[in-house]
Amino acid sequence: MALTPTVLVLRALGIGDLLTAVPALRGLRRSCPDRRLALAAPAGLAPLVELIGAVDELVPTAGLGALDFRGGKLDLAVNLHGRGPESIADLLRQNPPRTLTYRHADYPDLPGPEWVADQHEVQRWCSLLEWFGIPCNAEALDLTPPPEASAAPGAVVIHPGAASPARRWPVDRFGAVARVLADRGHRVVVTGSAGERPLAEAVADSAGLPPGAVLAGEMSLRGTAAVVADARLVLCGDTGIAHLATAFRAPSVILFGPVSPAHWGPPRRPQHACLWSGRRGDPHGSSLDPGLAAITVEDVLGAVGEVCAEKHAMEGGLDV
């Protein structure tokens, strides 16, 4: 029996990176209906990959240099990870007959478009595939909500963590917003990873939230997704949870610091609001970004009110 040809896609990054690549993955799925679509990504993302509906197989890959595809007949390799040279080398080591990637000087024999720095991450990968004749819909970001019940149905979700200190709004400011929302009668929960639990507890303490409000470290990724999908509101920085809110169309207020929302923000929808001072900086910085520091509690409460008023007008019942 002949093996089904496989399209191997490299995107060995985090939650937000995966979710911004969903339209490109769906474009590949539509263009290759008779081939298996294998995604090389961290194993921990499997619960979200299952919700995309376009990927047949997850090839667990911790990062660059770790890719080892042994899943059968490789027909095409697609680089949705970066512009190389490391990511290109990773794919070429799998001996694909054809590779789709952005152009890099180290690989002059590989055709591809030139990298455009000033571009939204979703459009970046759609543009790559469209250069090769594969149409994509950059608006196709929605995920099917997980079947699991939310651990905090209808809650306001505060997510204070981010990968770097540069993108973490101060604890006392998150706490101040959480206190106002809790005083208005809303259930407020604080999410995060196990490693972010002390941060989440600090926010809850600052806000005077009741025991049980801190969910950080208590849920799986699917459990977190279920909480976000059923949230009354999500408040977070420029991190993966923001992209989950986009995927489930949950009302959200997202705080941007060193990176512009024009590059990583949600699509223009009334239920999502982005706050950004207009300054750019180092997204991997070891201290609070000055642009993020410029966002005040009053700014955030104003954006929360606008998002929730819009949601109330559309569906009713959301009065924050």
C-alpha atoms as a PDB file:
ATOM      1  CA  MET A   1       0.000   0.000   0.000  1.00  0.00           C
ATOM      2  CA  ALA A   2       1.453   3.360  -1.045  1.00  0.00           C
ATOM      3  CA  LEU A   3       2.144   5.897   1.691  1.00  0.00           C
ATOM      4  CA  THR A   4       0.156   9.128   1.632  1.00  0.00           C
ATOM      5  CA  PRO A   5       2.479  12.039   0.787  1.00  0.00           C
ATOM      6  CA  THR A   6       3.065  14.442   3.671  1.00  0.00           C
ATOM      7  CA  VAL A   7       3.368  18.215   3.859  1.00  0.00           C
ATOM      8  CA  LEU A   8       5.687  19.046   6.762  1.00  0.00           C
ATOM      9  CA  VAL A   9       5.283  22.498   8.339  1.00  0.00           C
ATOM     10  CA  LEU A  10       7.794  23.920  10.826  1.00  0.00           C
ATOM     11  CA  ARG A  11       6.468  26.284  13.530  1.00  0.00           C
ATOM     12  CA  ALA A  12       8.369  25.232  16.667  1.00  0.00           C
ATOM     13  CA  LEU A  13       7.344  28.217  18.796  1.00  0.00           C
ATOM     14  CA  GLY A  14       4.722  29.182  21.404  1.00  0.00           C
ATOM     15  CA  ILE A  15       0.961  29.559  21.742  1.00  0.00           C
ATOM     16  CA  GLY A  16       0.646  32.943  20.058  1.00  0.00           C
ATOM     17  CA  ASP A  17       2.966  31.868  17.256  1.00  0.00           C
ATOM     18  CA  LEU A  18       0.832  28.792  16.597  1.00  0.00           C
ATOM     19  CA  LEU A  19      -2.415  30.740  16.558  1.00  0.00           C
ATOM     20  CA  THR A  20      -1.137  33.430  14.205  1.00  0.00           C
ATOM     21  CA  ALA A  21      -0.212  30.663  11.748  1.00  0.00           C
ATOM     22  CA  VAL A  22      -3.714  29.130  11.702  1.00  0.00           C
ATOM     23  CA  PRO A  23      -4.861  30.903   8.490  1.00  0.00           C
ATOM     24  CA  ALA A  24      -1.718  29.708   6.683  1.00  0.00           C
ATOM     25  CA  LEU A  25      -2.215  26.149   7.952  1.00  0.00           C
ATOM     26  CA  ARG A  26      -5.799  26.212   6.718  1.00  0.00           C
ATOM     27  CA  GLY A  27      -4.675  27.558   3.355  1.00  0.00           C
ATOM     28  CA  LEU A  28      -2.250  24.651   3.041  1.00  0.00           C
ATOM     29  CA  ARG A  29      -4.971  22.204   4.032  1.00  0.00           C
ATOM     30  CA  ARG A  30      -7.281  23.464   1.297  1.00  0.00           C
ATOM     31  CA  SER A  31      -4.531  23.420  -1.328  1.00  0.00           C
ATOM     32  CA  CYS A  32      -3.325  19.906  -0.430  1.00  0.00           C
ATOM     33  CA  PRO A  33      -6.509  17.927   0.274  1.00  0.00           C
ATOM     34  CA  ASP A  34      -4.957  14.596  -0.692  1.00  0.00           C
ATOM     35  CA  ARG A  35      -1.843  14.919   1.485  1.00  0.00           C
ATOM     36  CA  ARG A  36      -1.231  14.567   5.194  1.00  0.00           C
ATOM     37  CA  LEU A  37      -0.407  17.817   6.957  1.00  0.00           C
ATOM     38  CA  ALA A  38       2.184  17.374   9.695  1.00  0.00           C
ATOM     39  CA  LEU A  39       3.072  20.261  11.985  1.00  0.00           C
ATOM     40  CA  ALA A  40       6.454  20.339  13.722  1.00  0.00           C
ATOM     41  CA  ALA A  41       5.794  22.173  16.995  1.00  0.00           C
ATOM     42  CA  PRO A  42       6.278  21.706  20.757  1.00  0.00           C
ATOM     43  CA  ALA A  43       4.409  18.682  22.138  1.00  0.00           C
ATOM     44  CA  GLY A  44       2.671  20.836  24.742  1.00  0.00           C
ATOM     45  CA  LEU A  45       0.674  22.588  22.020  1.00  0.00           C
ATOM     46  CA  ALA A  46      -1.128  19.384  20.991  1.00  0.00           C
ATOM     47  CA  PRO A  47      -4.391  20.335  22.790  1.00  0.00           C
ATOM     48  CA  LEU A  48      -4.651  23.486  20.672  1.00  0.00           C
ATOM     49  CA  VAL A  49      -3.484  21.869  17.438  1.00  0.00           C
ATOM     50  CA  GLU A  50      -6.459  19.520  17.728  1.00  0.00           C
ATOM     51  CA  LEU A  51      -8.830  22.497  17.681  1.00  0.00           C
ATOM     52  CA  ILE A  52      -7.481  23.911  14.400  1.00  0.00           C
ATOM     53  CA  GLY A  53      -9.081  21.231  12.236  1.00  0.00           C
ATOM     54  CA  ALA A  54      -6.394  21.424   9.541  1.00  0.00           C
ATOM     55  CA  VAL A  55      -3.503  19.377  10.952  1.00  0.00           C
ATOM     56  CA  ASP A  56      -3.348  15.593  10.695  1.00  0.00           C
ATOM     57  CA  GLU A  57      -0.281  15.000  12.827  1.00  0.00           C
ATOM     58  CA  LEU A  58       1.856  16.831  15.368  1.00  0.00           C
ATOM     59  CA  VAL A  59       5.573  16.121  15.088  1.00  0.00           C
ATOM     60  CA  PRO A  60       6.882  16.997  18.583  1.00  0.00           C
ATOM     61  CA  THR A  61       9.729  19.464  18.089  1.00  0.00           C
ATOM     62  CA  ALA A  62      11.192  21.416  20.986  1.00  0.00           C
ATOM     63  CA  GLY A  63      12.875  24.068  18.848  1.00  0.00           C
ATOM     64  CA  LEU A  64      15.352  24.660  16.074  1.00  0.00           C
ATOM     65  CA  GLY A  65      17.838  21.853  15.560  1.00  0.00           C
ATOM     66  CA  ALA A  66      15.483  19.248  17.027  1.00  0.00           C
ATOM     67  CA  LEU A  67      13.373  18.355  13.988  1.00  0.00           C
ATOM     68  CA  ASP A  68      13.430  14.678  13.058  1.00  0.00           C
ATOM     69  CA  PHE A  69      10.628  13.685  10.700  1.00  0.00           C
ATOM     70  CA  ARG A  70      10.092   9.968  10.253  1.00  0.00           C
ATOM     71  CA  GLY A  71       6.439  10.005   9.320  1.00  0.00           C
ATOM     72  CA  GLY A  72       6.592   8.545   5.834  1.00  0.00           C
ATOM     73  CA  LYS A  73       6.866   9.968   2.351  1.00  0.00           C
ATOM     74  CA  LEU A  74       7.721  13.658   2.523  1.00  0.00           C
ATOM     75  CA  ASP A  75       6.291  15.600  -0.409  1.00  0.00           C
ATOM     76  CA  LEU A  76       6.711  19.245   0.633  1.00  0.00           C
ATOM     77  CA  ALA A  77       8.328  21.228   3.462  1.00  0.00           C
ATOM     78  CA  VAL A  78       6.997  24.628   4.534  1.00  0.00           C
ATOM     79  CA  ASN A  79       8.891  27.061   6.735  1.00  0.00           C
ATOM     80  CA  LEU A  80       6.429  28.998   8.889  1.00  0.00           C
ATOM     81  CA  HIS A  81       9.038  29.386  11.612  1.00  0.00           C
ATOM     82  CA  GLY A  82      11.190  32.231  10.316  1.00  0.00           C
ATOM     83  CA  ARG A  83      13.421  33.326   7.476  1.00  0.00           C
ATOM     84  CA  GLY A  84      16.427  31.157   8.299  1.00  0.00           C
ATOM     85  CA  PRO A  85      19.077  30.072   8.037  1.00  0.00           C
ATOM     86  CA  GLU A  86      18.536  27.730  10.994  1.00  0.00           C
ATOM     87  CA  SER A  87      14.894  26.974  10.212  1.00  0.00           C
ATOM     88  CA  ILE A  88      15.662  26.373   6.532  1.00  0.00           C
ATOM     89  CA  ALA A  89      18.492  24.018   7.480  1.00  0.00           C
ATOM     90  CA  ASP A  90      16.173  22.119   9.816  1.00  0.00           C
ATOM     91  CA  LEU A  91      13.758  21.425   6.987  1.00  0.00           C
ATOM     92  CA  LEU A  92      16.403  20.638   4.381  1.00  0.00           C
ATOM     93  CA  ARG A  93      17.850  17.966   6.686  1.00  0.00           C
ATOM     94  CA  GLN A  94      14.561  16.091   6.202  1.00  0.00           C
ATOM     95  CA  ASN A  95      15.349  15.841   2.429  1.00  0.00           C
ATOM     96  CA  PRO A  96      12.091  17.270   1.063  1.00  0.00           C
ATOM     97  CA  PRO A  97      11.727  17.354  -2.725  1.00  0.00           C
ATOM     98  CA  ARG A  98      10.489  20.958  -2.442  1.00  0.00           C
ATOM     99  CA  THR A  99      10.663  23.655   0.248  1.00  0.00           C
ATOM    100  CA  LEU A 100       8.578  26.810   0.605  1.00  0.00           C
ATOM    101  CA  THR A 101      10.363  29.524   2.576  1.00  0.00           C
ATOM    102  CA  TYR A 102      11.303  33.152   2.626  1.00  0.00           C
ATOM    103  CA  ARG A 103      14.432  33.894   0.645  1.00  0.00           C
ATOM    104  CA  HIS A 104      17.783  33.781   2.433  1.00  0.00           C
ATOM    105  CA  ALA A 105      21.237  34.596   1.070  1.00  0.00           C
ATOM    106  CA  ASP A 106      22.688  31.363   2.458  1.00  0.00           C
ATOM    107  CA  TYR A 107      20.333  29.373   0.206  1.00  0.00           C
ATOM    108  CA  PRO A 108      20.405  31.113  -3.187  1.00  0.00           C
ATOM    109  CA  ASP A 109      18.908  28.100  -4.974  1.00  0.00           C
ATOM    110  CA  LEU A 110      15.697  28.257  -2.953  1.00  0.00           C
ATOM    111  CA  PRO A 111      13.109  30.607  -4.491  1.00  0.00           C
ATOM    112  CA  GLY A 112      10.887  32.672  -2.245  1.00  0.00           C
ATOM    113  CA  PRO A 113       9.715  36.185  -1.444  1.00  0.00           C
ATOM    114  CA  GLU A 114      11.786  38.752   0.401  1.00  0.00           C
ATOM    115  CA  TRP A 115      11.117  39.161   4.127  1.00  0.00           C
ATOM    116  CA  VAL A 116       9.089  42.284   4.996  1.00  0.00           C
ATOM    117  CA  ALA A 117       9.779  43.501   8.533  1.00  0.00           C
ATOM    118  CA  ASP A 118       6.792  45.851   8.878  1.00  0.00           C
ATOM    119  CA  GLN A 119       4.018  43.279   8.533  1.00  0.00           C
ATOM    120  CA  HIS A 120       1.476  41.615  10.782  1.00  0.00           C
ATOM    121  CA  GLU A 121       2.495  38.110  11.795  1.00  0.00           C
ATOM    122  CA  VAL A 122      -0.710  36.567  10.420  1.00  0.00           C
ATOM    123  CA  GLN A 123      -0.286  38.248   7.043  1.00  0.00           C
ATOM    124  CA  ARG A 124       3.419  37.367   6.932  1.00  0.00           C
ATOM    125  CA  TRP A 125       2.721  33.651   6.587  1.00  0.00           C
ATOM    126  CA  CYS A 126      -0.294  34.107   4.352  1.00  0.00           C
ATOM    127  CA  SER A 127       1.876  36.256   2.054  1.00  0.00           C
ATOM    128  CA  LEU A 128       4.556  33.575   1.917  1.00  0.00           C
ATOM    129  CA  LEU A 129       2.095  30.940   0.738  1.00  0.00           C
ATOM    130  CA  GLU A 130       0.345  33.310  -1.645  1.00  0.00           C
ATOM    131  CA  TRP A 131       3.708  34.025  -3.311  1.00  0.00           C
ATOM    132  CA  PHE A 132       3.782  30.318  -4.138  1.00  0.00           C
ATOM    133  CA  GLY A 133       0.200  30.355  -5.433  1.00  0.00           C
ATOM    134  CA  ILE A 134      -1.545  29.068  -2.298  1.00  0.00           C
ATOM    135  CA  PRO A 135      -4.468  31.338  -1.331  1.00  0.00           C
ATOM    136  CA  CYS A 136      -5.104  32.075   2.351  1.00  0.00           C
ATOM    137  CA  ASN A 137      -7.752  33.906   4.329  1.00  0.00           C
ATOM    138  CA  ALA A 138      -6.009  35.991   6.997  1.00  0.00           C
ATOM    139  CA  GLU A 139      -9.308  36.356   8.875  1.00  0.00           C
ATOM    140  CA  ALA A 140      -9.630  32.586   9.432  1.00  0.00           C
ATOM    141  CA  LEU A 141      -8.369  32.760  13.021  1.00  0.00           C
ATOM    142  CA  ASP A 142     -11.291  31.213  14.898  1.00  0.00           C
ATOM    143  CA  LEU A 143     -10.941  27.965  16.813  1.00  0.00           C
ATOM    144  CA  THR A 144     -13.702  25.615  17.875  1.00  0.00           C
ATOM    145  CA  PRO A 145     -14.070  25.984  21.660  1.00  0.00           C
ATOM    146  CA  PRO A 146     -12.889  22.911  23.556  1.00  0.00           C
ATOM    147  CA  PRO A 147     -15.626  20.563  24.802  1.00  0.00           C
ATOM    148  CA  GLU A 148     -14.398  20.818  28.399  1.00  0.00           C
ATOM    149  CA  ALA A 149     -16.491  22.920  30.768  1.00  0.00           C
ATOM    150  CA  SER A 150     -14.917  26.147  31.977  1.00  0.00           C
ATOM    151  CA  ALA A 151     -13.533  26.139  35.518  1.00  0.00           C
ATOM    152  CA  ALA A 152     -14.729  29.747  35.827  1.00  0.00           C
ATOM    153  CA  PRO A 153     -17.752  30.268  33.573  1.00  0.00           C
ATOM    154  CA  GLY A 154     -18.437  33.881  32.703  1.00  0.00           C
ATOM    155  CA  ALA A 155     -15.469  35.192  34.686  1.00  0.00           C
ATOM    156  CA  VAL A 156     -13.259  38.182  34.046  1.00  0.00           C
ATOM    157  CA  VAL A 157      -9.850  36.657  33.293  1.00  0.00           C
ATOM    158  CA  ILE A 158      -6.733  38.554  34.365  1.00  0.00           C
ATOM    159  CA  HIS A 159      -3.510  37.123  32.931  1.00  0.00           C
ATOM    160  CA  PRO A 160      -0.536  39.137  34.224  1.00  0.00           C
ATOM    161  CA  GLY A 161       2.289  36.966  32.888  1.00  0.00           C
ATOM    162  CA  ALA A 162       4.358  37.241  29.735  1.00  0.00           C
ATOM    163  CA  ALA A 163       7.568  35.645  28.509  1.00  0.00           C
ATOM    164  CA  SER A 164       9.753  38.638  29.393  1.00  0.00           C
ATOM    165  CA  PRO A 165       9.615  41.364  32.071  1.00  0.00           C
ATOM    166  CA  ALA A 166       9.438  43.963  29.304  1.00  0.00           C
ATOM    167  CA  ARG A 167       5.895  42.814  28.498  1.00  0.00           C
ATOM    168  CA  ARG A 168       4.546  42.502  32.068  1.00  0.00           C
ATOM    169  CA  TRP A 169       2.345  45.357  33.230  1.00  0.00           C
ATOM    170  CA  PRO A 170       2.932  46.064  36.958  1.00  0.00           C
ATOM    171  CA  VAL A 171       1.248  43.846  39.556  1.00  0.00           C
ATOM    172  CA  ASP A 172      -0.299  46.755  41.457  1.00  0.00           C
ATOM    173  CA  ARG A 173      -1.975  48.060  38.298  1.00  0.00           C
ATOM    174  CA  PHE A 174      -3.439  44.674  37.396  1.00  0.00           C
ATOM    175  CA  GLY A 175      -4.582  44.461  40.990  1.00  0.00           C
ATOM    176  CA  ALA A 176      -6.206  47.887  40.883  1.00  0.00           C
ATOM    177  CA  VAL A 177      -8.214  46.975  37.772  1.00  0.00           C
ATOM    178  CA  ALA A 178      -9.158  43.594  39.247  1.00  0.00           C
ATOM    179  CA  ARG A 179     -10.353  45.268  42.455  1.00  0.00           C
ATOM    180  CA  VAL A 180     -12.631  47.672  40.553  1.00  0.00           C
ATOM    181  CA  LEU A 181     -14.163  44.863  38.510  1.00  0.00           C
ATOM    182  CA  ALA A 182     -14.634  42.650  41.567  1.00  0.00           C
ATOM    183  CA  ASP A 183     -16.250  45.554  43.443  1.00  0.00           C
ATOM    184  CA  ARG A 184     -18.729  45.822  40.587  1.00  0.00           C
ATOM    185  CA  GLY A 185     -19.836  42.268  41.279  1.00  0.00           C
ATOM    186  CA  HIS A 186     -17.879  40.312  38.695  1.00  0.00           C
ATOM    187  CA  ARG A 187     -16.062  37.086  39.377  1.00  0.00           C
ATOM    188  CA  VAL A 188     -12.385  37.768  38.661  1.00  0.00           C
ATOM    189  CA  VAL A 189      -9.850  34.961  38.218  1.00  0.00           C
ATOM    190  CA  VAL A 190      -6.114  35.166  37.636  1.00  0.00           C
ATOM    191  CA  THR A 191      -4.522  32.681  35.239  1.00  0.00           C
ATOM    192  CA  GLY A 192      -0.997  31.675  34.331  1.00  0.00           C
ATOM    193  CA  SER A 193       1.424  28.769  34.304  1.00  0.00           C
ATOM    194  CA  ALA A 194       2.684  27.007  37.420  1.00  0.00           C
ATOM    195  CA  GLY A 195       5.796  29.166  37.263  1.00  0.00           C
ATOM    196  CA  GLU A 196       3.622  32.290  37.154  1.00  0.00           C
ATOM    197  CA  ARG A 197       1.583  31.371  40.234  1.00  0.00           C
ATOM    198  CA  PRO A 198       3.495  33.735  42.579  1.00  0.00           C
ATOM    199  CA  LEU A 199       2.816  36.565  40.138  1.00  0.00           C
ATOM    200  CA  ALA A 200      -0.871  35.619  39.948  1.00  0.00           C
ATOM    201  CA  GLU A 201      -1.102  35.418  43.748  1.00  0.00           C
ATOM    202  CA  ALA A 202       0.473  38.860  44.039  1.00  0.00           C
ATOM    203  CA  VAL A 203      -2.186  40.307  41.717  1.00  0.00           C
ATOM    204  CA  ALA A 204      -4.968  38.580  43.666  1.00  0.00           C
ATOM    205  CA  ASP A 205      -3.574  39.843  46.972  1.00  0.00           C
ATOM    206  CA  SER A 206      -3.293  43.370  45.597  1.00  0.00           C
ATOM    207  CA  ALA A 207      -6.922  43.224  44.475  1.00  0.00           C
ATOM    208  CA  GLY A 208      -8.223  41.577  47.645  1.00  0.00           C
ATOM    209  CA  LEU A 209      -9.710  38.708  45.659  1.00  0.00           C
ATOM    210  CA  PRO A 210     -11.256  35.776  47.547  1.00  0.00           C
ATOM    211  CA  PRO A 211      -9.613  32.354  47.969  1.00  0.00           C
ATOM    212  CA  GLY A 212      -9.876  30.296  44.821  1.00  0.00           C
ATOM    213  CA  ALA A 213      -9.476  33.269  42.456  1.00  0.00           C
ATOM    214  CA  VAL A 214      -5.976  32.183  41.454  1.00  0.00           C
ATOM    215  CA  LEU A 215      -6.131  29.481  38.766  1.00  0.00           C
ATOM    216  CA  ALA A 216      -2.486  29.772  37.699  1.00  0.00           C
ATOM    217  CA  GLY A 217      -0.828  26.370  37.627  1.00  0.00           C
ATOM    218  CA  GLU A 218      -4.094  24.517  38.251  1.00  0.00           C
ATOM    219  CA  MET A 219      -5.293  23.973  34.680  1.00  0.00           C
ATOM    220  CA  SER A 220      -4.114  22.225  31.562  1.00  0.00           C
ATOM    221  CA  LEU A 221      -3.744  24.184  28.347  1.00  0.00           C
ATOM    222  CA  ARG A 222      -7.156  22.904  27.224  1.00  0.00           C
ATOM    223  CA  GLY A 223      -8.604  23.924  30.575  1.00  0.00           C
ATOM    224  CA  THR A 224      -7.180  27.410  30.158  1.00  0.00           C
ATOM    225  CA  ALA A 225      -8.597  27.550  26.644  1.00  0.00           C
ATOM    226  CA  ALA A 226     -12.033  26.586  27.982  1.00  0.00           C
ATOM    227  CA  VAL A 227     -11.873  29.394  30.565  1.00  0.00           C
ATOM    228  CA  VAL A 228     -10.892  31.939  27.910  1.00  0.00           C
ATOM    229  CA  ALA A 229     -13.558  30.734  25.473  1.00  0.00           C
ATOM    230  CA  ASP A 230     -16.265  31.306  28.101  1.00  0.00           C
ATOM    231  CA  ALA A 231     -14.809  34.492  29.601  1.00  0.00           C
ATOM    232  CA  ARG A 232     -16.802  37.663  30.155  1.00  0.00           C
ATOM    233  CA  LEU A 233     -13.589  39.586  29.514  1.00  0.00           C
ATOM    234  CA  VAL A 234      -9.864  38.848  29.130  1.00  0.00           C
ATOM    235  CA  LEU A 235      -7.258  41.379  30.282  1.00  0.00           C
ATOM    236  CA  CYS A 236      -3.640  40.556  29.479  1.00  0.00           C
ATOM    237  CA  GLY A 237      -0.432  41.713  27.894  1.00  0.00           C
ATOM    238  CA  ASP A 238       1.019  40.824  24.517  1.00  0.00           C
ATOM    239  CA  THR A 239       1.163  37.064  25.079  1.00  0.00           C
ATOM    240  CA  GLY A 240      -0.440  33.768  24.060  1.00  0.00           C
ATOM    241  CA  ILE A 241      -3.665  34.258  26.038  1.00  0.00           C
ATOM    242  CA  ALA A 242      -4.409  37.327  23.914  1.00  0.00           C
ATOM    243  CA  HIS A 243      -4.394  35.128  20.821  1.00  0.00           C
ATOM    244  CA  LEU A 244      -6.679  32.603  22.515  1.00  0.00           C
ATOM    245  CA  ALA A 245      -9.141  35.429  23.153  1.00  0.00           C
ATOM    246  CA  THR A 246      -8.973  36.301  19.453  1.00  0.00           C
ATOM    247  CA  ALA A 247      -9.448  32.654  18.457  1.00  0.00           C
ATOM    248  CA  PHE A 248     -12.598  32.334  20.594  1.00  0.00           C
ATOM    249  CA  ARG A 249     -13.831  35.902  19.983  1.00  0.00           C
ATOM    250  CA  ALA A 250     -13.781  36.544  23.718  1.00  0.00           C
ATOM    251  CA  PRO A 251     -13.946  40.255  24.647  1.00  0.00           C
ATOM    252  CA  SER A 252     -10.406  41.356  25.412  1.00  0.00           C
ATOM    253  CA  VAL A 253      -8.232  44.304  26.358  1.00  0.00           C
ATOM    254  CA  ILE A 254      -4.598  43.733  25.417  1.00  0.00           C
ATOM    255  CA  LEU A 255      -1.717  45.847  26.700  1.00  0.00           C
ATOM    256  CA  PHE A 256       1.150  46.337  24.252  1.00  0.00           C
ATOM    257  CA  GLY A 257       4.561  47.684  25.162  1.00  0.00           C
ATOM    258  CA  PRO A 258       7.657  47.225  22.998  1.00  0.00           C
ATOM    259  CA  VAL A 259       5.798  45.689  20.043  1.00  0.00           C
ATOM    260  CA  SER A 260       3.104  47.315  17.940  1.00  0.00           C
ATOM    261  CA  PRO A 261      -0.354  45.719  17.778  1.00  0.00           C
ATOM    262  CA  ALA A 262      -0.062  46.295  14.024  1.00  0.00           C
ATOM    263  CA  HIS A 263       2.352  43.355  14.097  1.00  0.00           C
ATOM    264  CA  TRP A 264       0.855  41.064  16.757  1.00  0.00           C
ATOM    265  CA  GLY A 265      -2.569  42.443  17.678  1.00  0.00           C
ATOM    266  CA  PRO A 266      -6.030  41.007  17.049  1.00  0.00           C
ATOM    267  CA  PRO A 267      -7.989  41.795  13.898  1.00  0.00           C
ATOM    268  CA  ARG A 268     -10.198  44.867  13.979  1.00  0.00           C
ATOM    269  CA  ARG A 269     -13.246  43.628  15.846  1.00  0.00           C
ATOM    270  CA  PRO A 270     -15.415  45.547  18.325  1.00  0.00           C
ATOM    271  CA  GLN A 271     -14.839  42.987  21.095  1.00  0.00           C
ATOM    272  CA  HIS A 272     -11.044  43.472  21.128  1.00  0.00           C
ATOM    273  CA  ALA A 273      -9.177  46.596  22.236  1.00  0.00           C
ATOM    274  CA  CYS A 274      -5.437  47.255  22.123  1.00  0.00           C
ATOM    275  CA  LEU A 275      -3.637  49.833  24.240  1.00  0.00           C
ATOM    276  CA  TRP A 276      -0.224  50.981  23.003  1.00  0.00           C
ATOM    277  CA  SER A 277       1.722  54.160  23.686  1.00  0.00           C
ATOM    278  CA  GLY A 278       3.275  54.176  20.205  1.00  0.00           C
ATOM    279  CA  ARG A 279       6.788  53.474  21.444  1.00  0.00           C
ATOM    280  CA  ARG A 280       8.875  50.509  20.310  1.00  0.00           C
ATOM    281  CA  GLY A 281      11.462  48.646  22.327  1.00  0.00           C
ATOM    282  CA  ASP A 282      13.013  45.280  23.087  1.00  0.00           C
ATOM    283  CA  PRO A 283      10.278  42.620  23.516  1.00  0.00           C
ATOM    284  CA  HIS A 284      12.787  40.405  25.319  1.00  0.00           C
ATOM    285  CA  GLY A 285      13.979  43.103  27.723  1.00  0.00           C
ATOM    286  CA  SER A 286      14.697  42.340  31.367  1.00  0.00           C
ATOM    287  CA  SER A 287      12.785  45.333  32.752  1.00  0.00           C
ATOM    288  CA  LEU A 288       9.384  46.934  32.238  1.00  0.00           C
ATOM    289  CA  ASP A 289       9.160  48.589  28.833  1.00  0.00           C
ATOM    290  CA  PRO A 290       8.662  52.390  29.143  1.00  0.00           C
ATOM    291  CA  GLY A 291       5.836  52.292  26.626  1.00  0.00           C
ATOM    292  CA  LEU A 292       3.970  49.649  28.606  1.00  0.00           C
ATOM    293  CA  ALA A 293       4.654  51.601  31.805  1.00  0.00           C
ATOM    294  CA  ALA A 294       2.929  54.601  30.210  1.00  0.00           C
ATOM    295  CA  ILE A 295      -0.414  52.756  30.176  1.00  0.00           C
ATOM    296  CA  THR A 296      -2.405  53.729  33.273  1.00  0.00           C
ATOM    297  CA  VAL A 297      -5.117  52.006  35.281  1.00  0.00           C
ATOM    298  CA  GLU A 298      -7.545  54.652  34.033  1.00  0.00           C
ATOM    299  CA  ASP A 299      -6.585  53.850  30.426  1.00  0.00           C
ATOM    300  CA  VAL A 300      -7.347  50.190  30.980  1.00  0.00           C
ATOM    301  CA  LEU A 301     -10.640  50.765  32.774  1.00  0.00           C
ATOM    302  CA  GLY A 302     -11.696  53.059  29.943  1.00  0.00           C
ATOM    303  CA  ALA A 303     -10.906  50.398  27.348  1.00  0.00           C
ATOM    304  CA  VAL A 304     -12.698  47.758  29.411  1.00  0.00           C
ATOM    305  CA  GLY A 305     -15.778  49.950  29.504  1.00  0.00           C
ATOM    306  CA  GLU A 306     -15.718  50.529  25.749  1.00  0.00           C
ATOM    307  CA  VAL A 307     -15.265  46.843  24.891  1.00  0.00           C
ATOM    308  CA  CYS A 308     -17.991  45.752  27.241  1.00  0.00           C
ATOM    309  CA  ALA A 309     -20.389  48.481  26.139  1.00  0.00           C
ATOM    310  CA  GLU A 310     -19.909  47.310  22.560  1.00  0.00           C
ATOM    311  CA  LYS A 311     -20.488  43.700  23.574  1.00  0.00           C
ATOM    312  CA  HIS A 312     -23.552  44.713  25.570  1.00  0.00           C
ATOM    313  CA  ALA A 313     -24.976  46.516  22.553  1.00  0.00           C
ATOM    314  CA  MET A 314     -24.328  43.494  20.316  1.00  0.00           C
ATOM    315  CA  GLU A 315     -25.575  40.715  22.590  1.00  0.00           C
ATOM    316  CA  GLY A 316     -26.865  42.250  25.799  1.00  0.00           C
ATOM    317  CA  GLY A 317     -26.033  41.357  29.345  1.00  0.00           C
ATOM    318  CA  LEU A 318     -22.372  42.404  29.521  1.00  0.00           C
ATOM    319  CA  ASP A 319     -22.203  45.406  31.784  1.00  0.00           C
ATOM    320  CA  VAL A 320     -18.766  45.946  33.296  1.00  0.00           C
END
